[in-house]
Amino acid sequence: KILYWGTSEWEAAQIAQAYASAREQHLILPTMEQPQYNMFHRRRVEKDLAPICKEFGLGLTTWSPLHFGLLSGKYNDGIPAGSRAALPEMGWVRDEVTSDRVAVVRRLTTLAQEIDLTTAQLAIAWLLRRKEVSSVITGATRLEQLDENLAAAEAVETLTDDLLEEIEQILENIPE
């Protein structure tokens, strides 16, 4: 039996239609949506999905919190050997590592260090602070990365309003 189900990369209108159909037919309602969400990819969650999450009590299980590793800070000094962006078949990841984005991540890295966090912890805590985010799928490939990412949950409380404003000034991409 299915007790819980969700959607992945659905538009808000599709989710609303699924709710309406499930209610009409007395079926189990979806409980979550799985969108991409991070500091560089945020409009869809913050503008389109947040209202429907509030309306239906829907939770988000987000993926790509570190934007393919960029928000970990590992590309701050170039593309390291062995990273995904260094692999010939991963040119699409390399395309995400632009000089503008690296400059933003360098500033985020400095800010994170000032509050004793890693860049990855700052990026993940920034996601977890949102009420609609139930969980974050991280792509850790080593145990050390997993430990670092899990510590981000405790870092959420360090994100004061002033700090969040400073992050927004660095990102300069609040969705309109």
Protein backbone atom coordinates (compact mmCIF):
# COMPACT_ATOMS: atom_id res chain seq x y z
CA LYS A 1 0.00 0.00 0.00
CA ILE A 2 1.08 3.53 -0.67
CA LEU A 3 0.98 5.71 2.42
CA TYR A 4 3.01 8.67 1.17
CA TRP A 5 3.96 9.86 -2.26
CA GLY A 6 5.48 12.90 -3.86
CA THR A 7 6.48 14.52 -7.09
CA SER A 8 9.78 15.50 -8.63
CA GLU A 9 10.38 18.62 -10.68
CA TRP A 10 6.65 19.27 -11.12
CA GLU A 11 5.30 22.74 -11.79
CA ALA A 12 3.06 24.33 -9.15
CA ALA A 13 0.03 23.99 -11.44
CA GLN A 14 0.67 20.27 -11.87
CA ILE A 15 0.90 19.80 -8.11
CA ALA A 16 -2.35 21.72 -7.59
CA GLN A 17 -4.02 19.54 -10.20
CA ALA A 18 -2.74 16.38 -8.48
CA TYR A 19 -4.18 17.63 -5.17
CA ALA A 20 -7.53 18.39 -6.76
CA SER A 21 -7.70 14.99 -8.47
CA ALA A 22 -6.66 13.11 -5.33
CA ARG A 23 -9.23 14.93 -3.22
CA GLU A 24 -11.97 14.39 -5.80
CA GLN A 25 -11.26 10.67 -5.94
CA HIS A 26 -10.60 10.32 -2.17
CA LEU A 27 -7.00 9.27 -2.73
CA ILE A 28 -3.86 9.91 -0.71
CA LEU A 29 -2.51 13.42 -1.31
CA PRO A 30 1.12 14.03 -2.30
CA THR A 31 3.24 15.06 0.68
CA MET A 32 6.39 16.36 -0.99
CA GLU A 33 7.99 17.79 -4.10
CA GLN A 34 11.62 17.24 -5.06
CA PRO A 35 12.98 20.35 -6.81
CA GLN A 36 16.49 21.55 -7.46
CA TYR A 37 17.23 24.36 -5.01
CA ASN A 38 20.40 26.20 -4.10
CA MET A 39 21.81 29.71 -3.88
CA PHE A 40 22.17 29.91 -7.67
CA HIS A 41 18.93 28.13 -8.59
CA ARG A 42 16.16 29.57 -6.47
CA ARG A 43 13.36 31.28 -8.39
CA ARG A 44 11.21 28.18 -8.89
CA VAL A 45 11.18 27.27 -5.19
CA GLU A 46 10.88 30.76 -3.75
CA LYS A 47 8.32 32.18 -6.17
CA ASP A 48 6.42 29.24 -7.65
CA LEU A 49 6.51 26.44 -5.09
CA ALA A 50 6.59 28.29 -1.74
CA PRO A 51 2.95 29.46 -2.02
CA ILE A 52 1.68 25.99 -2.90
CA CYS A 53 3.73 24.47 -0.07
CA LYS A 54 2.03 26.83 2.35
CA GLU A 55 -1.43 26.20 0.89
CA PHE A 56 -1.21 22.40 0.90
CA GLY A 57 1.32 21.78 3.68
CA LEU A 58 3.65 20.29 1.11
CA GLY A 59 7.29 19.71 2.06
CA LEU A 60 10.29 20.03 -0.22
CA THR A 61 13.06 17.46 -0.49
CA THR A 62 15.59 19.53 -2.41
CA TRP A 63 18.50 18.34 -4.51
CA SER A 64 21.77 19.93 -5.69
CA PRO A 65 22.25 22.09 -2.57
CA LEU A 66 25.87 22.76 -3.53
CA HIS A 67 25.13 23.45 -7.22
CA PHE A 68 27.19 20.53 -8.55
CA GLY A 69 29.96 21.21 -6.00
CA LEU A 70 30.43 24.88 -6.80
CA LEU A 71 28.95 26.02 -3.45
CA SER A 72 31.37 23.79 -1.55
CA GLY A 73 34.16 26.20 -2.47
CA LYS A 74 36.24 23.50 -4.14
CA TYR A 75 36.43 25.50 -7.38
CA ASN A 76 37.55 28.74 -5.70
CA ASP A 77 41.12 28.28 -6.97
CA GLY A 78 40.41 26.55 -10.27
CA ILE A 79 39.14 23.13 -11.29
CA PRO A 80 40.91 20.48 -9.20
CA ALA A 81 41.99 17.19 -10.76
CA GLY A 82 39.53 14.42 -10.01
CA SER A 83 36.55 16.77 -9.58
CA ARG A 84 33.44 16.33 -11.70
CA ALA A 85 34.22 19.51 -13.63
CA ALA A 86 37.62 18.07 -14.57
CA LEU A 87 36.12 15.00 -16.23
CA PRO A 88 35.82 15.26 -20.03
CA GLU A 89 32.28 13.83 -20.04
CA MET A 90 31.10 16.39 -17.44
CA GLY A 91 31.43 19.54 -19.54
CA TRP A 92 27.98 20.65 -18.36
CA VAL A 93 29.34 20.88 -14.79
CA ARG A 94 32.39 22.80 -16.02
CA ASP A 95 30.00 25.24 -17.72
CA GLU A 96 28.50 26.05 -14.30
CA VAL A 97 31.91 27.09 -12.94
CA THR A 98 31.96 30.64 -14.29
CA SER A 99 34.23 33.42 -13.06
CA ASP A 100 31.21 35.38 -11.79
CA ARG A 101 29.93 32.44 -9.76
CA VAL A 102 33.36 31.62 -8.38
CA ALA A 103 33.70 35.26 -7.26
CA VAL A 104 30.38 34.94 -5.40
CA VAL A 105 31.45 31.67 -3.78
CA ARG A 106 34.76 33.20 -2.68
CA ARG A 107 32.84 35.94 -0.87
CA LEU A 108 30.53 33.32 0.68
CA THR A 109 33.60 31.35 1.76
CA THR A 110 35.01 34.40 3.57
CA LEU A 111 31.65 34.97 5.26
CA ALA A 112 31.36 31.31 6.27
CA GLN A 113 34.86 31.34 7.79
CA GLU A 114 33.94 34.40 9.86
CA ILE A 115 31.21 32.34 11.59
CA ASP A 116 33.22 29.10 11.80
CA LEU A 117 31.36 27.27 9.03
CA THR A 118 32.50 25.76 5.78
CA THR A 119 31.10 27.13 2.55
CA ALA A 120 29.08 23.93 2.10
CA GLN A 121 27.61 24.21 5.60
CA LEU A 122 26.60 27.80 4.95
CA ALA A 123 24.94 26.88 1.65
CA ILE A 124 23.03 23.94 3.14
CA ALA A 125 22.00 25.84 6.29
CA TRP A 126 20.72 28.64 4.04
CA LEU A 127 18.37 26.08 2.44
CA LEU A 128 17.31 24.43 5.69
CA ARG A 129 16.19 27.74 7.18
CA ARG A 130 13.19 27.77 4.83
CA LYS A 131 9.98 26.41 6.37
CA GLU A 132 9.01 24.52 3.23
CA VAL A 133 12.33 22.63 3.03
CA SER A 134 11.85 19.29 4.81
CA SER A 135 15.17 17.83 3.80
CA VAL A 136 18.15 18.32 1.52
CA ILE A 137 19.64 15.58 -0.65
CA THR A 138 23.40 15.97 -0.60
CA GLY A 139 25.76 14.29 -3.01
CA ALA A 140 28.59 13.47 -0.63
CA THR A 141 31.14 11.07 -2.08
CA ARG A 142 33.28 10.75 1.04
CA LEU A 143 32.42 10.23 4.70
CA GLU A 144 34.11 13.54 5.61
CA GLN A 145 31.78 15.36 3.21
CA LEU A 146 28.77 13.66 4.75
CA ASP A 147 29.86 14.67 8.26
CA GLU A 148 30.43 18.26 7.08
CA ASN A 149 27.02 18.40 5.36
CA LEU A 150 25.15 16.96 8.34
CA ALA A 151 26.64 19.62 10.62
CA ALA A 152 24.81 22.24 8.52
CA ALA A 153 21.57 21.40 10.36
CA GLU A 154 23.07 22.78 13.57
CA ALA A 155 24.33 25.86 11.73
CA VAL A 156 20.83 27.08 10.83
CA GLU A 157 20.53 28.90 14.16
CA THR A 158 23.63 30.98 13.34
CA LEU A 159 21.87 32.55 10.35
CA THR A 160 20.72 35.84 11.84
CA ASP A 161 18.69 38.35 9.86
CA ASP A 162 21.82 40.48 9.43
CA LEU A 163 23.79 37.52 8.13
CA LEU A 164 21.00 36.55 5.73
CA GLU A 165 20.96 40.12 4.43
CA GLU A 166 24.72 39.95 3.90
CA ILE A 167 24.28 36.69 1.97
CA GLU A 168 21.62 38.32 -0.21
CA GLN A 169 23.97 41.23 -0.94
CA ILE A 170 26.61 38.74 -2.06
CA LEU A 171 24.21 36.66 -4.17
CA GLU A 172 22.36 39.61 -5.76
CA ASN A 173 19.70 37.24 -7.14
CA ILE A 174 16.53 37.54 -5.09
CA PRO A 175 13.74 36.32 -7.37
CA GLU A 176 11.24 39.01 -8.31
